[in-house]
Amino acid sequence: MSGFIDAESVRRVLQGLNPWWSGKPFTAPAFRRRAFGVTLRLVEDQAHRRAILLSGPRRVGKTTILLQIADWLVKHGHDPKSVLYVSLDHPLLKLSPLTAILENYHEGVYPEGKPVTLLMDKVQYAEDWELHIKALVDHHPEYRIVATGSATVVHRKQLAESGVGRWIRVPVPTLSFPEFLRIRGEPPLELPAKENLNRLFHSKKIDFSNLADKARPYQILFNRYLLVGGFPETAKHPDMDFCQRILREDVVERVLKRDMTALFHVRNVNALERLFIYLCLHSGGIFEVQTCAKALGEVRETIANHLEILEQANLIRRLPPAQMTGKKILKARHKVYMVDAALRNAVLLRGEEILEDPAEMGLVVETTVLGHLLEHFHRDTPRVSYWRDPATNREVDMVVEKPGFSMPVEVKYRESPELGEKTGLVEFCKREKVIQAVMVTKKEADFGLQKVGDLSTIFLKIPAHLFCLILGSEE
């Protein structure tokens, strides 16, 4: 422990962060994300010896999940003092080695050797945290460890070397559309039993018109979701200006101006910020490193490095091209999306006017659909890519691939979406002999199944709000 920080001061901080030790009233937020249930099951699984890492963008509820775990454990009979929550970005705790904090805890609060649930918030701010937790996992089975951290901790070389077999990652993305509805207290869409995306392709009993009627009231709420994004704090707030300010200041600027220097040791934050603005303006397009470097007056290597950092910091997503192997992957031109469309809205100060702009709405919906696909299929660890034919420039927005399964998804958020022989979606299905494909549309009148020519592919046309409702509800 640093020489000027005494043990008693640290203990007081710990007592303040853990009010349940002294029986003070404490109730965690009632709204629970899917990641809460996943994490709790892992904590309770006595055969599970790995530490758990909750990773995702800022302000999506990772800290809340830790506090909900603490609340649940205390209320279900665990000794309150056996539950230790540590916020590692606290000024005093940042200067204290993790080993010293735990020694302090055992000396003054709870005896060493007895079962402990250790909840570490913002673990990336603790020095040598990987080595300390490796030692706990390897030599102290009495600890059940849950940590939150930015995505960078998953990618770091130290974690790759010391964390093999010792960590399990639980992603915490931005809110899905059904989660957005639940946190606002809106009634959920009542779907028929076992209704899911796959069943829409195969069941002959589905009343598409009736399902569209049920989903109609959610269209307005879906528009709101597209504007303010999947962040718990903005989901419930009525003021659009406030929501966008929170996203700019607390999600974007704090990551760019604080985390980039503290965690990534970025020296030229201004160059990184310019790149992020460039990506906001070109979101959803194929990213050309050299073109961007020329536009921003930077060298190619700087742009490539900064792009990777922005992805690790959970501000952007990169989508690779489909059907590439070997050395071609290294030269692949990715598509780049914001991790949530509302970040782009907030940075570029675009509000409700985008609801009347087909081009803007197409991009926003495409970003949102990608997020729902990634979350829905993440347990299957699929490859999600885009497809483009260089000869014809025909494209498919997203292709989900896993062993024995391939499903292309095209977003056509417009009045009259075309599904014909010359479209990229049909061309891809013809070449790859795809069994089922999805076209995400704007109007509920488009909802239903369609065949094209003599292709065996079944095409599902489905309005965006219903697509996100069904995919999100399955979680």
Protein backbone atom coordinates (compact mmCIF):
# COMPACT_ATOMS: atom_id res chain seq x y z
CA MET A 1 0.00 0.00 0.00
CA SER A 2 1.25 3.53 -0.77
CA GLY A 3 3.12 5.02 2.17
CA PHE A 4 0.78 7.97 2.71
CA ILE A 5 -2.41 5.83 2.65
CA ASP A 6 -3.18 4.16 5.98
CA ALA A 7 -5.16 0.95 6.33
CA GLU A 8 -7.95 2.59 8.30
CA SER A 9 -8.69 5.05 5.46
CA VAL A 10 -8.95 2.21 2.97
CA ARG A 11 -11.22 0.26 5.32
CA ARG A 12 -13.56 3.21 5.64
CA VAL A 13 -13.81 3.41 1.85
CA LEU A 14 -14.63 -0.30 1.71
CA GLN A 15 -17.30 0.10 4.38
CA GLY A 16 -18.84 2.95 2.41
CA LEU A 17 -18.90 0.85 -0.76
CA ASN A 18 -20.44 -2.13 1.09
CA PRO A 19 -23.37 -0.76 3.14
CA TRP A 20 -24.79 -4.27 3.65
CA TRP A 21 -21.92 -5.04 6.06
CA SER A 22 -23.51 -2.80 8.70
CA GLY A 23 -27.11 -3.66 7.85
CA LYS A 24 -27.83 -0.29 6.24
CA PRO A 25 -30.80 -0.23 3.84
CA PHE A 26 -29.67 -1.25 0.40
CA THR A 27 -31.75 -2.22 -2.61
CA ALA A 28 -30.26 -2.68 -6.05
CA PRO A 29 -32.25 -1.52 -9.10
CA ALA A 30 -35.12 -3.89 -9.89
CA PHE A 31 -34.52 -4.02 -13.64
CA ARG A 32 -32.28 -6.97 -14.44
CA ARG A 33 -30.45 -7.52 -17.68
CA ARG A 34 -29.93 -10.95 -19.21
CA ALA A 35 -26.30 -10.83 -18.13
CA PHE A 36 -27.41 -10.78 -14.47
CA GLY A 37 -28.98 -14.23 -14.71
CA VAL A 38 -26.00 -15.62 -16.64
CA THR A 39 -23.56 -14.24 -14.06
CA LEU A 40 -25.55 -15.41 -11.05
CA ARG A 41 -25.71 -18.96 -12.36
CA LEU A 42 -21.93 -18.97 -12.81
CA VAL A 43 -21.39 -17.58 -9.29
CA GLU A 44 -23.59 -20.28 -7.77
CA ASP A 45 -22.05 -23.11 -9.78
CA GLN A 46 -19.63 -24.65 -7.29
CA ALA A 47 -17.93 -26.66 -10.05
CA HIS A 48 -17.13 -23.43 -11.90
CA ARG A 49 -13.67 -22.21 -10.89
CA ARG A 50 -13.05 -19.44 -13.37
CA ALA A 51 -13.35 -15.73 -12.71
CA ILE A 52 -16.17 -13.95 -14.54
CA LEU A 53 -15.59 -10.81 -16.61
CA LEU A 54 -18.51 -8.54 -17.51
CA SER A 55 -17.42 -6.53 -20.54
CA GLY A 56 -19.23 -3.93 -22.62
CA PRO A 57 -19.60 -0.21 -23.44
CA ARG A 58 -19.79 2.48 -20.78
CA ARG A 59 -23.15 3.13 -19.11
CA VAL A 60 -24.83 -0.16 -20.03
CA GLY A 61 -25.29 -1.41 -16.46
CA LYS A 62 -22.19 -3.46 -15.60
CA THR A 63 -21.83 -1.86 -12.15
CA THR A 64 -25.54 -2.33 -11.53
CA ILE A 65 -25.19 -6.06 -12.21
CA LEU A 66 -22.46 -6.33 -9.56
CA LEU A 67 -24.66 -4.56 -7.01
CA GLN A 68 -27.61 -6.76 -7.94
CA ILE A 69 -25.44 -9.85 -7.37
CA ALA A 70 -24.48 -8.49 -3.93
CA ASP A 71 -28.11 -7.71 -3.10
CA TRP A 72 -29.27 -11.18 -4.17
CA LEU A 73 -26.56 -13.00 -2.20
CA VAL A 74 -27.24 -11.08 1.01
CA LYS A 75 -31.00 -11.55 0.73
CA HIS A 76 -30.55 -15.30 0.11
CA GLY A 77 -28.64 -16.08 3.26
CA HIS A 78 -25.01 -15.30 2.55
CA ASP A 79 -23.09 -13.57 5.31
CA PRO A 80 -23.19 -9.88 4.29
CA LYS A 81 -19.52 -9.47 5.17
CA SER A 82 -18.61 -12.32 2.81
CA VAL A 83 -19.66 -10.15 -0.13
CA LEU A 84 -16.95 -7.63 -1.02
CA TYR A 85 -17.56 -4.93 -3.65
CA VAL A 86 -14.51 -2.90 -4.72
CA SER A 87 -14.65 0.03 -7.14
CA LEU A 88 -11.12 0.12 -8.51
CA ASP A 89 -11.39 3.58 -10.03
CA HIS A 90 -11.90 5.09 -6.57
CA PRO A 91 -8.99 7.54 -6.01
CA LEU A 92 -7.85 5.81 -2.82
CA LEU A 93 -8.23 2.24 -4.07
CA LYS A 94 -6.44 2.95 -7.35
CA LEU A 95 -3.29 3.62 -5.33
CA SER A 96 -3.61 0.42 -3.29
CA PRO A 97 -2.49 -2.98 -4.63
CA LEU A 98 -5.30 -5.51 -4.79
CA THR A 99 -3.41 -7.79 -2.39
CA ALA A 100 -3.24 -4.98 0.19
CA ILE A 101 -6.97 -4.29 -0.15
CA LEU A 102 -7.78 -7.95 0.46
CA GLU A 103 -5.41 -8.16 3.42
CA ASN A 104 -7.11 -5.11 4.91
CA TYR A 105 -10.52 -6.70 4.36
CA HIS A 106 -9.53 -9.97 6.03
CA GLU A 107 -7.81 -8.27 8.96
CA GLY A 108 -10.68 -5.95 9.83
CA VAL A 109 -13.89 -7.31 8.28
CA TYR A 110 -14.01 -10.99 7.40
CA PRO A 111 -11.61 -13.85 8.28
CA GLU A 112 -9.29 -15.29 5.67
CA GLY A 113 -10.00 -18.78 4.33
CA LYS A 114 -13.81 -18.58 4.43
CA PRO A 115 -15.89 -18.33 1.21
CA VAL A 116 -15.90 -14.82 -0.29
CA THR A 117 -17.66 -13.32 -3.30
CA LEU A 118 -15.32 -10.67 -4.68
CA LEU A 119 -17.00 -8.10 -6.95
CA MET A 120 -14.43 -5.89 -8.68
CA ASP A 121 -15.68 -2.90 -10.63
CA LYS A 122 -13.58 -1.32 -13.41
CA VAL A 123 -10.79 -3.84 -12.96
CA GLN A 124 -8.67 -2.26 -15.69
CA TYR A 125 -7.65 0.53 -13.30
CA ALA A 126 -5.89 -1.86 -10.89
CA GLU A 127 -2.18 -2.33 -11.50
CA ASP A 128 -1.20 -5.90 -12.40
CA TRP A 129 -4.77 -7.04 -11.81
CA GLU A 130 -4.35 -10.01 -14.17
CA LEU A 131 -1.56 -11.50 -12.07
CA HIS A 132 -3.38 -10.96 -8.78
CA ILE A 133 -6.55 -12.62 -10.02
CA LYS A 134 -4.60 -15.46 -11.59
CA ALA A 135 -3.12 -16.14 -8.16
CA LEU A 136 -6.56 -16.02 -6.51
CA VAL A 137 -8.08 -18.41 -9.06
CA ASP A 138 -5.14 -20.82 -8.86
CA HIS A 139 -4.54 -20.84 -5.09
CA HIS A 140 -7.65 -19.54 -3.33
CA PRO A 141 -10.72 -21.60 -4.28
CA GLU A 142 -12.70 -19.89 -1.52
CA TYR A 143 -13.00 -16.81 -3.78
CA ARG A 144 -15.84 -16.44 -6.28
CA ILE A 145 -14.71 -13.55 -8.53
CA VAL A 146 -16.81 -11.27 -10.75
CA ALA A 147 -15.20 -8.27 -12.43
CA THR A 148 -16.29 -5.55 -14.81
CA GLY A 149 -13.99 -4.02 -17.37
CA SER A 150 -13.77 -2.34 -20.72
CA ALA A 151 -13.34 -4.61 -23.73
CA THR A 152 -9.65 -3.78 -23.80
CA VAL A 153 -8.97 -6.12 -20.89
CA VAL A 154 -10.13 -9.04 -23.02
CA HIS A 155 -7.68 -8.19 -25.78
CA ARG A 156 -4.62 -7.43 -23.72
CA LYS A 157 -1.59 -9.64 -24.16
CA GLN A 158 -1.28 -10.18 -20.42
CA LEU A 159 -4.79 -11.58 -20.20
CA ALA A 160 -4.18 -13.84 -23.17
CA GLU A 161 -1.10 -15.25 -21.44
CA SER A 162 -2.24 -15.41 -17.82
CA GLY A 163 -5.97 -15.82 -18.22
CA VAL A 164 -6.28 -18.98 -20.31
CA GLY A 165 -8.74 -21.27 -18.55
CA ARG A 166 -9.19 -18.77 -15.73
CA TRP A 167 -11.72 -16.33 -17.17
CA ILE A 168 -15.14 -16.57 -18.72
CA ARG A 169 -16.44 -13.46 -20.46
CA VAL A 170 -20.08 -12.40 -20.19
CA PRO A 171 -20.86 -9.65 -22.73
CA VAL A 172 -23.06 -6.75 -21.64
CA PRO A 173 -24.14 -4.96 -24.83
CA THR A 174 -26.45 -1.97 -25.10
CA LEU A 175 -30.12 -2.69 -24.36
CA SER A 176 -32.06 -4.77 -26.86
CA PHE A 177 -35.42 -3.36 -27.91
CA PRO A 178 -37.36 -5.66 -25.50
CA GLU A 179 -35.02 -4.62 -22.66
CA PHE A 180 -35.62 -0.98 -23.60
CA LEU A 181 -39.36 -1.60 -23.24
CA ARG A 182 -38.97 -3.38 -19.90
CA ILE A 183 -36.80 -0.70 -18.31
CA ARG A 184 -39.41 1.89 -19.31
CA GLY A 185 -42.20 -0.21 -17.82
CA GLU A 186 -43.91 -0.79 -21.17
CA PRO A 187 -45.98 -3.98 -21.58
CA PRO A 188 -44.11 -6.67 -23.54
CA LEU A 189 -45.28 -7.99 -26.87
CA GLU A 190 -47.24 -11.17 -26.16
CA LEU A 191 -45.86 -13.68 -28.62
CA PRO A 192 -47.33 -17.16 -29.18
CA ALA A 193 -45.59 -19.91 -27.24
CA LYS A 194 -42.20 -20.91 -28.70
CA GLU A 195 -42.42 -18.14 -31.27
CA ASN A 196 -38.99 -17.40 -32.70
CA LEU A 197 -37.30 -16.32 -35.89
CA ASN A 198 -36.66 -19.84 -37.13
CA ARG A 199 -40.30 -20.85 -36.63
CA LEU A 200 -41.47 -17.99 -38.84
CA PHE A 201 -39.82 -19.73 -41.79
CA HIS A 202 -41.38 -23.14 -41.24
CA SER A 203 -44.71 -22.95 -39.46
CA LYS A 204 -47.83 -22.93 -41.62
CA LYS A 205 -50.00 -21.87 -38.70
CA ILE A 206 -48.57 -18.40 -38.20
CA ASP A 207 -51.01 -15.55 -38.76
CA PHE A 208 -48.59 -12.90 -40.02
CA SER A 209 -51.29 -10.26 -40.19
CA ASN A 210 -52.35 -10.83 -36.57
CA LEU A 211 -48.75 -10.75 -35.34
CA ALA A 212 -48.16 -7.49 -37.22
CA ASP A 213 -51.29 -6.00 -35.63
CA LYS A 214 -50.02 -6.90 -32.15
CA ALA A 215 -46.66 -5.30 -32.86
CA ARG A 216 -48.08 -2.09 -34.37
CA PRO A 217 -48.18 -0.09 -31.08
CA TYR A 218 -44.45 -0.66 -30.65
CA GLN A 219 -43.48 1.24 -33.80
CA ILE A 220 -43.47 4.63 -32.04
CA LEU A 221 -41.44 3.23 -29.14
CA PHE A 222 -39.04 1.70 -31.65
CA ASN A 223 -38.46 5.13 -33.17
CA ARG A 224 -37.65 6.45 -29.71
CA TYR A 225 -35.28 3.55 -29.14
CA LEU A 226 -33.46 4.34 -32.38
CA LEU A 227 -33.02 7.97 -31.30
CA VAL A 228 -31.83 7.58 -27.69
CA GLY A 229 -30.21 4.14 -27.96
CA GLY A 230 -29.82 1.18 -25.68
CA PHE A 231 -28.46 2.89 -22.57
CA PRO A 232 -30.46 2.51 -19.33
CA GLU A 233 -30.10 6.17 -18.34
CA THR A 234 -31.32 7.55 -21.66
CA ALA A 235 -34.03 4.93 -22.15
CA LYS A 236 -36.25 6.44 -19.47
CA HIS A 237 -35.47 10.13 -19.86
CA PRO A 238 -37.97 12.26 -21.82
CA ASP A 239 -35.54 15.05 -22.80
CA MET A 240 -33.74 14.30 -26.06
CA ASP A 241 -31.13 17.03 -25.49
CA PHE A 242 -30.27 15.55 -22.09
CA CYS A 243 -29.95 12.07 -23.56
CA GLN A 244 -27.62 13.19 -26.30
CA ARG A 245 -25.50 15.23 -23.88
CA ILE A 246 -25.09 12.17 -21.63
CA LEU A 247 -23.99 10.05 -24.59
CA ARG A 248 -21.53 12.67 -25.83
CA GLU A 249 -20.01 13.54 -22.47
CA ASP A 250 -20.16 10.31 -20.50
CA VAL A 251 -19.91 7.64 -23.17
CA VAL A 252 -17.91 9.15 -26.03
CA GLU A 253 -15.80 11.97 -24.60
CA ARG A 254 -14.92 10.17 -21.39
CA VAL A 255 -13.68 7.17 -23.34
CA LEU A 256 -11.77 9.27 -25.85
CA LYS A 257 -10.21 11.70 -23.38
CA ARG A 258 -9.76 9.57 -20.27
CA ASP A 259 -9.64 5.88 -21.09
CA MET A 260 -7.50 6.32 -24.19
CA THR A 261 -4.68 7.92 -22.23
CA ALA A 262 -5.07 5.85 -19.06
CA LEU A 263 -5.57 2.43 -20.65
CA PHE A 264 -4.19 2.62 -24.18
CA HIS A 265 -1.51 5.28 -23.62
CA VAL A 266 -2.68 7.17 -26.68
CA ARG A 267 -0.63 10.33 -27.09
CA ASN A 268 -2.51 12.08 -29.87
CA VAL A 269 -6.08 12.07 -28.56
CA ASN A 270 -7.08 14.76 -31.06
CA ALA A 271 -6.20 12.48 -33.98
CA LEU A 272 -8.26 9.70 -32.39
CA GLU A 273 -11.19 12.04 -31.90
CA ARG A 274 -11.04 13.16 -35.54
CA LEU A 275 -11.08 9.53 -36.63
CA PHE A 276 -14.14 8.87 -34.52
CA ILE A 277 -15.95 11.83 -36.10
CA TYR A 278 -14.93 10.54 -39.53
CA LEU A 279 -16.41 7.14 -38.66
CA CYS A 280 -19.63 8.77 -37.48
CA LEU A 281 -19.95 10.48 -40.85
CA HIS A 282 -19.14 7.28 -42.77
CA SER A 283 -20.77 4.72 -40.49
CA GLY A 284 -22.03 1.60 -42.26
CA GLY A 285 -19.73 2.05 -45.23
CA ILE A 286 -16.70 0.07 -46.36
CA PHE A 287 -13.73 1.60 -44.59
CA GLU A 288 -10.66 2.45 -46.64
CA VAL A 289 -7.66 3.04 -44.36
CA GLN A 290 -5.67 4.94 -46.99
CA THR A 291 -8.63 7.17 -47.95
CA CYS A 292 -9.24 8.01 -44.31
CA ALA A 293 -5.56 8.66 -43.63
CA LYS A 294 -5.40 11.10 -46.53
CA ALA A 295 -8.58 12.90 -45.43
CA LEU A 296 -7.32 13.30 -41.84
CA GLY A 297 -3.69 14.03 -42.70
CA GLU A 298 -2.40 11.00 -40.80
CA VAL A 299 -0.23 8.05 -41.74
CA ARG A 300 -1.87 4.73 -42.56
CA GLU A 301 -0.40 2.91 -39.52
CA THR A 302 -1.83 5.49 -37.11
CA ILE A 303 -5.32 5.12 -38.56
CA ALA A 304 -5.14 1.33 -38.44
CA ASN A 305 -3.95 1.34 -34.82
CA HIS A 306 -6.55 3.87 -33.71
CA LEU A 307 -9.30 1.94 -35.45
CA GLU A 308 -8.43 -1.17 -33.45
CA ILE A 309 -8.37 0.83 -30.23
CA LEU A 310 -11.83 2.28 -30.87
CA GLU A 311 -13.15 -1.23 -31.40
CA GLN A 312 -11.55 -2.51 -28.19
CA ALA A 313 -13.02 0.47 -26.34
CA ASN A 314 -16.52 -0.58 -27.41
CA LEU A 315 -17.28 2.52 -29.46
CA ILE A 316 -17.36 0.84 -32.89
CA ARG A 317 -17.86 -2.54 -34.52
CA ARG A 318 -15.99 -3.83 -37.57
CA LEU A 319 -17.67 -6.23 -39.96
CA PRO A 320 -15.34 -8.26 -42.20
CA PRO A 321 -16.18 -9.36 -45.74
CA ALA A 322 -17.56 -12.87 -46.17
CA GLN A 323 -15.77 -15.86 -47.66
CA MET A 324 -12.20 -14.75 -47.10
CA THR A 325 -9.41 -17.00 -45.87
CA GLY A 326 -5.65 -16.95 -45.37
CA LYS A 327 -3.69 -13.82 -46.22
CA LYS A 328 -6.72 -12.20 -47.83
CA ILE A 329 -8.15 -11.57 -44.35
CA LEU A 330 -5.22 -9.31 -43.51
CA LYS A 331 -6.07 -7.07 -46.48
CA ALA A 332 -9.83 -7.21 -45.97
CA ARG A 333 -11.81 -4.00 -46.13
CA HIS A 334 -14.17 -3.94 -43.18
CA LYS A 335 -17.44 -2.14 -42.74
CA VAL A 336 -17.49 0.04 -39.64
CA TYR A 337 -20.54 0.72 -37.46
CA MET A 338 -21.11 2.55 -34.20
CA VAL A 339 -21.72 0.15 -31.33
CA ASP A 340 -25.08 1.92 -30.94
CA ALA A 341 -26.69 4.19 -33.52
CA ALA A 342 -27.57 6.75 -30.86
CA LEU A 343 -23.87 7.57 -30.36
CA ARG A 344 -23.73 8.82 -33.92
CA ASN A 345 -26.97 10.75 -33.46
CA ALA A 346 -25.57 12.41 -30.33
CA VAL A 347 -22.17 13.33 -31.80
CA LEU A 348 -23.64 14.71 -35.03
CA LEU A 349 -26.57 16.38 -33.18
CA ARG A 350 -29.23 14.58 -35.19
CA GLY A 351 -32.63 14.26 -33.56
CA GLU A 352 -36.18 13.48 -34.58
CA GLU A 353 -35.66 14.90 -38.06
CA ILE A 354 -33.88 11.68 -39.03
CA LEU A 355 -37.22 9.84 -38.75
CA GLU A 356 -38.22 11.54 -42.01
CA ASP A 357 -34.90 10.89 -43.75
CA PRO A 358 -34.88 7.46 -45.50
CA ALA A 359 -31.09 7.38 -45.88
CA GLU A 360 -30.47 8.22 -42.22
CA MET A 361 -33.09 5.76 -41.01
CA GLY A 362 -31.70 3.01 -43.19
CA LEU A 363 -28.29 3.41 -41.55
CA VAL A 364 -29.69 3.66 -38.02
CA VAL A 365 -31.84 0.56 -38.44
CA GLU A 366 -28.98 -1.36 -40.05
CA THR A 367 -26.76 -0.58 -37.04
CA THR A 368 -29.54 -1.67 -34.66
CA VAL A 369 -30.27 -4.91 -36.53
CA LEU A 370 -26.56 -5.80 -36.47
CA GLY A 371 -26.48 -5.35 -32.70
CA HIS A 372 -29.48 -7.63 -32.22
CA LEU A 373 -28.00 -10.31 -34.47
CA LEU A 374 -24.67 -10.30 -32.65
CA GLU A 375 -26.34 -10.58 -29.26
CA HIS A 376 -28.82 -13.23 -30.37
CA PHE A 377 -26.21 -15.55 -31.86
CA HIS A 378 -23.23 -14.79 -29.59
CA ARG A 379 -23.43 -18.08 -27.67
CA ASP A 380 -22.91 -19.95 -30.93
CA THR A 381 -19.78 -17.88 -31.65
CA PRO A 382 -20.78 -17.33 -35.29
CA ARG A 383 -18.95 -15.45 -37.98
CA VAL A 384 -20.93 -12.34 -38.89
CA SER A 385 -19.79 -10.61 -42.05
CA TYR A 386 -21.03 -8.68 -45.07
CA TRP A 387 -20.96 -9.89 -48.68
CA ARG A 388 -20.07 -7.90 -51.77
CA ASP A 389 -19.60 -8.99 -55.37
CA PRO A 390 -16.75 -6.85 -56.78
CA ALA A 391 -17.95 -7.44 -60.35
CA THR A 392 -21.50 -6.14 -59.86
CA ASN A 393 -21.15 -4.20 -56.55
CA ARG A 394 -24.18 -6.07 -55.25
CA GLU A 395 -24.11 -6.44 -51.48
CA VAL A 396 -25.72 -8.19 -48.55
CA ASP A 397 -25.59 -6.19 -45.32
CA MET A 398 -24.94 -9.12 -42.95
CA VAL A 399 -24.32 -12.84 -43.22
CA VAL A 400 -24.53 -15.01 -40.08
CA GLU A 401 -22.52 -18.21 -40.44
CA LYS A 402 -21.92 -21.11 -38.09
CA PRO A 403 -21.37 -24.84 -38.77
CA GLY A 404 -24.19 -26.10 -40.94
CA PHE A 405 -25.97 -22.74 -40.98
CA SER A 406 -25.87 -19.60 -43.10
CA MET A 407 -28.41 -16.79 -43.03
CA PRO A 408 -28.06 -13.55 -45.00
CA VAL A 409 -29.84 -10.48 -43.64
CA GLU A 410 -30.56 -7.39 -45.76
CA VAL A 411 -31.98 -4.16 -44.34
CA LYS A 412 -34.28 -2.27 -46.72
CA TYR A 413 -35.95 0.32 -44.52
CA ARG A 414 -37.93 2.05 -47.23
CA GLU A 415 -41.43 2.30 -48.63
CA SER A 416 -41.11 -0.27 -51.43
CA PRO A 417 -38.27 -2.72 -50.75
CA GLU A 418 -37.26 -4.62 -53.87
CA LEU A 419 -36.63 -8.35 -53.77
CA GLY A 420 -35.82 -9.39 -57.33
CA GLU A 421 -33.36 -11.39 -59.37
CA LYS A 422 -30.87 -8.51 -59.56
CA THR A 423 -30.68 -7.76 -55.85
CA GLY A 424 -27.63 -8.70 -53.81
CA LEU A 425 -29.68 -10.81 -51.41
CA VAL A 426 -31.10 -13.01 -54.17
CA GLU A 427 -27.73 -13.23 -55.93
CA PHE A 428 -26.04 -14.41 -52.74
CA CYS A 429 -28.73 -16.99 -52.03
CA LYS A 430 -28.46 -18.30 -55.57
CA ARG A 431 -24.67 -18.69 -55.39
CA GLU A 432 -24.54 -20.16 -51.89
CA LYS A 433 -27.74 -22.25 -52.09
CA VAL A 434 -29.04 -20.66 -48.89
CA ILE A 435 -32.12 -22.22 -47.30
CA GLN A 436 -33.49 -19.11 -45.60
CA ALA A 437 -32.85 -15.37 -45.83
CA VAL A 438 -34.21 -12.27 -44.11
CA MET A 439 -35.15 -8.87 -45.48
CA VAL A 440 -35.75 -6.34 -42.72
CA THR A 441 -38.25 -3.73 -43.92
CA LYS A 442 -40.12 -0.67 -42.73
CA LYS A 443 -43.81 -1.45 -43.23
CA GLU A 444 -45.83 -4.19 -41.55
CA ALA A 445 -47.61 -4.78 -44.85
CA ASP A 446 -44.37 -6.40 -46.09
CA PHE A 447 -44.48 -9.04 -43.33
CA GLY A 448 -44.55 -12.59 -44.66
CA LEU A 449 -42.75 -15.27 -46.65
CA GLN A 450 -41.80 -14.98 -50.30
CA LYS A 451 -40.19 -17.07 -53.02
CA VAL A 452 -38.20 -15.68 -55.95
CA GLY A 453 -38.28 -17.50 -59.30
CA ASP A 454 -37.28 -21.13 -59.04
CA LEU A 455 -34.94 -20.55 -56.06
CA SER A 456 -35.45 -22.95 -53.16
CA THR A 457 -34.62 -20.17 -50.69
CA ILE A 458 -37.43 -19.00 -48.40
CA PHE A 459 -37.30 -15.23 -47.92
CA LEU A 460 -38.79 -13.72 -44.76
CA LYS A 461 -39.75 -10.06 -45.06
CA ILE A 462 -40.25 -8.60 -41.59
CA PRO A 463 -40.60 -5.02 -40.26
CA ALA A 464 -37.62 -3.87 -38.22
CA HIS A 465 -39.44 -3.29 -34.94
CA LEU A 466 -40.93 -6.79 -35.02
CA PHE A 467 -37.60 -8.34 -36.01
CA CYS A 468 -35.88 -6.74 -32.99
CA LEU A 469 -38.78 -7.66 -30.70
CA ILE A 470 -38.63 -11.33 -31.66
CA LEU A 471 -34.84 -11.62 -31.57
CA GLY A 472 -34.57 -9.74 -28.28
CA SER A 473 -37.43 -11.65 -26.66
CA GLU A 474 -35.68 -14.96 -27.30
CA GLU A 475 -32.94 -13.81 -24.93
